[in-house]
């Protein structure tokens, strides 16, 4: 086995896309991030991309955008080689890995071996499920209507993004919410469900060869349990499928039975179990 560190996203994609597309929906995050780096959404100079090569093909690949978790996919047998190289790289470059995102069994194996190598403890931050939808199931929509977000929605979108990030990923984005809302509006990928006024939102992101992901699904607490999120996501999926995408995918919090049920009710099915892991302070 040998390690390749990539200095262009193009080379990373060329060497690893075949591996990642064996489970395209499950790997929507790492594929989307790789193309995001290629299209200069994330700076390549501050990102980390590497792969474990055996018999001239990739058997494990990993990617980290600035200050984010390392996400990866591949064979568990490649983890020792990956960790040996990564530990040396982090020490030499003073590089930090705050955590991991990946298939559940793979993240545990990686975290356990990383702790043995570095002495850095870890904990599960969030168990996740990856869902895929090929066709929207017939269901009774909530009262209201579906529309694309408009510039005049920016203030309410920004407010919702603060709450969404706090609830979904335990991240405080206060001070950056208006900029993030504007970026989503500029990308023309955000949609709302209205019932007299906006009551729920959902966005598309990370197109892959055959699919596209859904994110930023949020309904304020005062509007929940009325089916607004289901109606919003279902209509967004219909639009994306009509545009030629063969499937839609999304991540859920595995410990949230309500969100998992509503997605399954509109046609999503589980295709992978993922989790995010947080590294703690170094032991001893």
Protein backbone atom coordinates (compact mmCIF):
# COMPACT_ATOMS: atom_id res chain seq x y z
CA UNK A 1 0.00 0.00 0.00
CA UNK A 2 1.09 3.55 -0.66
CA UNK A 3 -0.35 6.98 0.14
CA UNK A 4 -1.03 9.72 -2.37
CA UNK A 5 -1.63 13.26 -1.16
CA UNK A 6 -3.43 15.35 -3.76
CA UNK A 7 -2.76 18.98 -4.50
CA UNK A 8 -5.60 19.33 -7.00
CA UNK A 9 -9.19 18.20 -6.66
CA UNK A 10 -9.11 17.11 -10.30
CA UNK A 11 -6.51 14.45 -9.54
CA UNK A 12 -8.36 13.33 -6.42
CA UNK A 13 -11.59 12.94 -8.39
CA UNK A 14 -9.83 11.13 -11.22
CA UNK A 15 -8.31 8.54 -8.89
CA UNK A 16 -11.17 8.07 -6.44
CA UNK A 17 -14.52 8.73 -8.09
CA UNK A 18 -14.94 5.13 -9.22
CA UNK A 19 -14.52 3.95 -5.64
CA UNK A 20 -16.87 6.59 -4.26
CA UNK A 21 -19.57 5.95 -6.84
CA UNK A 22 -19.92 2.33 -5.75
CA UNK A 23 -22.22 3.91 -3.14
CA UNK A 24 -22.99 7.23 -4.78
CA UNK A 25 -25.86 8.37 -2.57
CA UNK A 26 -24.07 7.42 0.64
CA UNK A 27 -20.94 9.25 -0.50
CA UNK A 28 -22.73 12.43 -1.58
CA UNK A 29 -20.82 14.48 1.00
CA UNK A 30 -17.25 13.56 0.05
CA UNK A 31 -18.07 13.64 -3.69
CA UNK A 32 -19.76 17.01 -3.33
CA UNK A 33 -16.89 18.46 -1.31
CA UNK A 34 -14.35 17.25 -3.88
CA UNK A 35 -16.21 19.00 -6.67
CA UNK A 36 -16.65 22.02 -4.41
CA UNK A 37 -12.87 22.27 -4.08
CA UNK A 38 -12.51 21.81 -7.84
CA UNK A 39 -14.91 24.70 -8.43
CA UNK A 40 -13.08 26.86 -5.85
CA UNK A 41 -15.84 26.84 -3.24
CA UNK A 42 -13.18 25.70 -0.76
CA UNK A 43 -9.48 26.61 -0.95
CA UNK A 44 -7.32 23.68 -2.03
CA UNK A 45 -4.34 25.13 -0.13
CA UNK A 46 -6.19 24.69 3.19
CA UNK A 47 -7.83 21.35 2.34
CA UNK A 48 -6.47 17.85 2.80
CA UNK A 49 -7.04 15.12 0.21
CA UNK A 50 -5.35 11.74 0.21
CA UNK A 51 -5.86 8.10 -0.75
CA UNK A 52 -4.50 4.66 0.01
CA UNK A 53 -3.49 2.89 -3.20
CA UNK A 54 -3.12 -0.86 -3.62
CA UNK A 55 -2.48 -2.69 -6.92
CA UNK A 56 -2.64 0.71 -8.66
CA UNK A 57 -6.19 1.50 -7.55
CA UNK A 58 -7.67 3.46 -4.68
CA UNK A 59 -9.03 1.37 -1.81
CA UNK A 60 -9.54 4.24 0.67
CA UNK A 61 -9.81 8.00 0.26
CA UNK A 62 -10.27 10.92 2.61
CA UNK A 63 -10.97 14.62 2.36
CA UNK A 64 -11.04 17.55 4.76
CA UNK A 65 -12.06 21.12 3.97
CA UNK A 66 -10.73 23.91 6.22
CA UNK A 67 -11.48 23.40 9.92
CA UNK A 68 -14.01 20.65 9.23
CA UNK A 69 -14.14 16.95 10.02
CA UNK A 70 -12.25 14.43 7.93
CA UNK A 71 -14.68 12.47 5.77
CA UNK A 72 -13.68 9.19 4.15
CA UNK A 73 -14.72 5.95 2.49
CA UNK A 74 -13.07 2.68 1.58
CA UNK A 75 -11.76 -0.61 2.91
CA UNK A 76 -11.24 -1.02 6.63
CA UNK A 77 -7.97 -2.84 5.97
CA UNK A 78 -6.49 0.40 4.63
CA UNK A 79 -6.99 2.30 7.89
CA UNK A 80 -3.61 1.45 9.51
CA UNK A 81 -1.72 2.80 6.49
CA UNK A 82 -3.91 5.90 6.42
CA UNK A 83 -3.43 6.59 10.12
CA UNK A 84 0.32 6.07 10.02
CA UNK A 85 0.67 8.63 7.23
CA UNK A 86 -1.89 11.05 8.67
CA UNK A 87 -0.33 11.09 12.14
CA UNK A 88 3.05 11.99 10.66
CA UNK A 89 1.46 14.63 8.42
CA UNK A 90 -0.42 16.27 11.31
CA UNK A 91 2.73 16.37 13.44
CA UNK A 92 4.95 17.76 10.68
CA UNK A 93 2.42 20.32 9.43
CA UNK A 94 0.81 21.15 12.79
CA UNK A 95 -2.47 20.11 11.20
CA UNK A 96 -5.63 19.49 13.23
CA UNK A 97 -8.32 16.86 12.66
CA UNK A 98 -11.30 17.91 14.83
CA UNK A 99 -13.35 14.84 14.03
CA UNK A 100 -14.60 12.33 11.49
CA UNK A 101 -17.62 11.75 9.27
CA UNK A 102 -18.13 8.46 7.50
CA UNK A 103 -19.72 5.01 7.49
CA UNK A 104 -20.43 4.01 11.07
CA UNK A 105 -18.19 0.94 11.36
CA UNK A 106 -15.37 2.66 9.49
CA UNK A 107 -15.39 5.73 11.75
CA UNK A 108 -15.20 3.57 14.89
CA UNK A 109 -12.29 1.55 13.50
CA UNK A 110 -10.49 4.75 12.48
CA UNK A 111 -11.12 6.52 15.79
CA UNK A 112 -9.96 3.54 17.86
CA UNK A 113 -6.74 3.19 15.89
CA UNK A 114 -6.20 6.97 15.89
CA UNK A 115 -6.44 6.94 19.69
CA UNK A 116 -3.92 4.09 19.89
CA UNK A 117 -1.55 5.99 17.60
CA UNK A 118 -1.90 9.51 19.00
CA UNK A 119 -3.45 9.17 22.47
CA UNK A 120 -6.36 11.39 21.40
CA UNK A 121 -9.69 10.19 22.81
CA UNK A 122 -12.98 10.45 20.94
CA UNK A 123 -16.75 10.31 21.31
CA UNK A 124 -19.68 9.90 18.96
CA UNK A 125 -21.10 13.32 18.18
CA UNK A 126 -24.10 12.23 16.12
CA UNK A 127 -25.25 8.89 14.70
CA UNK A 128 -26.62 9.51 11.23
CA UNK A 129 -28.58 7.78 8.51
CA UNK A 130 -28.22 8.45 4.79
CA UNK A 131 -31.45 8.25 2.83
CA UNK A 132 -32.15 8.03 -0.90
CA UNK A 133 -35.37 8.84 -2.78
CA UNK A 134 -36.01 7.70 -6.34
CA UNK A 135 -39.69 8.65 -6.54
CA UNK A 136 -41.94 10.74 -4.31
CA UNK A 137 -44.66 8.70 -2.63
CA UNK A 138 -48.24 9.94 -2.87
CA UNK A 139 -49.21 11.65 0.37
CA UNK A 140 -51.56 14.36 1.62
CA UNK A 141 -49.85 17.73 1.46
CA UNK A 142 -50.26 20.33 4.15
CA UNK A 143 -52.21 23.52 3.52
CA UNK A 144 -50.15 26.07 1.65
CA UNK A 145 -47.93 26.31 -1.39
CA UNK A 146 -44.36 25.77 -2.52
CA UNK A 147 -42.12 28.42 -4.03
CA UNK A 148 -38.51 29.41 -4.58
CA UNK A 149 -37.02 31.76 -2.00
CA UNK A 150 -36.74 35.42 -3.03
CA UNK A 151 -34.44 38.28 -1.96
CA UNK A 152 -37.14 39.69 0.31
CA UNK A 153 -37.03 36.43 2.30
CA UNK A 154 -33.40 37.00 3.29
CA UNK A 155 -34.04 38.17 6.87
CA UNK A 156 -36.28 35.24 7.81
CA UNK A 157 -33.94 32.76 6.10
CA UNK A 158 -31.00 34.18 8.06
CA UNK A 159 -32.93 33.82 11.32
CA UNK A 160 -33.88 30.23 10.50
CA UNK A 161 -30.28 29.38 9.58
CA UNK A 162 -29.15 30.35 13.08
CA UNK A 163 -31.67 27.95 14.62
CA UNK A 164 -31.00 25.24 12.04
CA UNK A 165 -27.26 25.20 12.70
CA UNK A 166 -27.77 25.20 16.46
CA UNK A 167 -30.17 22.24 16.29
CA UNK A 168 -28.62 20.22 13.47
CA UNK A 169 -24.87 20.57 14.01
CA UNK A 170 -24.51 22.45 17.33
CA UNK A 171 -22.84 25.38 15.57
CA UNK A 172 -23.27 29.07 16.37
CA UNK A 173 -23.29 31.09 13.14
CA UNK A 174 -24.47 34.38 14.63
CA UNK A 175 -22.80 37.19 12.74
CA UNK A 176 -22.53 35.15 9.55
CA UNK A 177 -26.20 34.34 9.02
CA UNK A 178 -26.96 37.14 6.56
CA UNK A 179 -23.97 36.24 4.41
CA UNK A 180 -24.96 32.57 4.39
CA UNK A 181 -28.54 33.43 3.51
CA UNK A 182 -27.34 35.60 0.64
CA UNK A 183 -25.11 32.81 -0.67
CA UNK A 184 -28.04 30.40 -0.71
CA UNK A 185 -30.20 32.94 -2.52
CA UNK A 186 -27.42 33.63 -5.02
CA UNK A 187 -27.05 29.89 -5.64
CA UNK A 188 -30.78 29.74 -6.49
CA UNK A 189 -31.21 26.51 -4.55
CA UNK A 190 -33.46 27.40 -1.61
CA UNK A 191 -37.22 26.81 -1.48
CA UNK A 192 -39.99 27.64 0.98
CA UNK A 193 -43.36 26.27 1.99
CA UNK A 194 -45.89 29.01 2.70
CA UNK A 195 -49.14 28.84 4.63
CA UNK A 196 -50.08 32.50 4.73
CA UNK A 197 -46.40 33.17 5.42
CA UNK A 198 -43.17 31.15 5.13
CA UNK A 199 -43.29 28.19 7.51
CA UNK A 200 -40.59 25.78 6.31
CA UNK A 201 -37.51 25.65 4.06
CA UNK A 202 -35.32 23.16 2.22
CA UNK A 203 -32.44 23.48 -0.21
CA UNK A 204 -30.63 21.42 -2.81
CA UNK A 205 -26.86 20.93 -2.75
CA UNK A 206 -23.99 18.69 -3.91
CA UNK A 207 -25.03 17.25 -7.26
CA UNK A 208 -23.31 13.98 -8.16
CA UNK A 209 -23.30 12.08 -11.45
CA UNK A 210 -26.80 10.71 -10.92
CA UNK A 211 -28.18 12.39 -7.84
CA UNK A 212 -28.41 15.51 -5.74
CA UNK A 213 -28.63 16.14 -2.00
CA UNK A 214 -31.14 17.97 0.15
CA UNK A 215 -30.05 20.05 3.13
CA UNK A 216 -31.05 23.01 5.32
CA UNK A 217 -34.43 21.43 6.04
CA UNK A 218 -35.94 23.52 8.81
CA UNK A 219 -39.31 24.39 10.30
CA UNK A 220 -39.56 26.79 13.27
CA UNK A 221 -40.89 25.17 16.43
CA UNK A 222 -44.19 27.04 16.31
CA UNK A 223 -44.98 25.53 12.90
CA UNK A 224 -43.95 21.93 13.53
CA UNK A 225 -46.13 18.80 13.52
CA UNK A 226 -48.22 20.18 10.67
CA UNK A 227 -46.50 18.40 7.78
CA UNK A 228 -44.89 21.54 6.36
CA UNK A 229 -41.39 20.05 6.11
CA UNK A 230 -42.73 16.92 4.37
CA UNK A 231 -44.58 19.04 1.84
CA UNK A 232 -41.58 21.29 1.25
CA UNK A 233 -39.06 18.47 0.80
CA UNK A 234 -41.41 16.37 -1.34
CA UNK A 235 -42.02 19.23 -3.75
CA UNK A 236 -38.33 20.04 -3.93
CA UNK A 237 -37.58 16.39 -4.72
CA UNK A 238 -40.19 16.41 -7.50
CA UNK A 239 -38.49 19.43 -9.07
CA UNK A 240 -35.03 17.90 -8.83
CA UNK A 241 -36.15 14.56 -10.29
CA UNK A 242 -37.92 16.40 -13.12
CA UNK A 243 -34.65 18.21 -13.85
CA UNK A 244 -33.05 14.85 -14.64
CA UNK A 245 -31.53 13.75 -11.34
CA UNK A 246 -32.16 10.05 -10.79
CA UNK A 247 -32.33 10.32 -7.02
CA UNK A 248 -32.23 12.70 -4.07
CA UNK A 249 -30.28 11.99 -0.90
CA UNK A 250 -30.01 13.47 2.57
CA UNK A 251 -28.51 12.94 6.02
CA UNK A 252 -30.64 12.59 9.14
CA UNK A 253 -29.96 12.45 12.86
CA UNK A 254 -30.49 8.75 13.60
CA UNK A 255 -31.76 9.64 17.08
CA UNK A 256 -34.57 11.83 15.74
CA UNK A 257 -37.48 9.45 15.02
CA UNK A 258 -39.75 12.24 13.80
CA UNK A 259 -37.52 13.40 10.96
CA UNK A 260 -36.64 9.84 10.00
CA UNK A 261 -40.32 8.94 9.73
CA UNK A 262 -41.38 11.94 7.67
CA UNK A 263 -38.66 11.30 5.11
CA UNK A 264 -39.63 7.65 4.81
CA UNK A 265 -43.28 8.62 4.44
CA UNK A 266 -42.51 10.62 1.29
CA UNK A 267 -40.34 7.92 -0.32
CA UNK A 268 -36.86 8.03 1.20
CA UNK A 269 -35.17 4.75 2.16
CA UNK A 270 -32.02 4.19 4.19
CA UNK A 271 -28.91 3.36 2.15
CA UNK A 272 -26.19 3.75 4.78
CA UNK A 273 -25.50 4.29 8.47
CA UNK A 274 -23.02 7.10 9.08
CA UNK A 275 -21.88 9.00 12.13
CA UNK A 276 -19.83 12.00 13.11
CA UNK A 277 -17.11 11.62 15.72
CA UNK A 278 -15.48 14.33 17.80
CA UNK A 279 -11.87 14.09 18.96
CA UNK A 280 -11.26 15.21 22.54
CA UNK A 281 -8.26 16.66 24.30
CA UNK A 282 -5.13 14.57 24.24
CA UNK A 283 -4.78 12.08 27.06
CA UNK A 284 -2.09 12.31 29.67
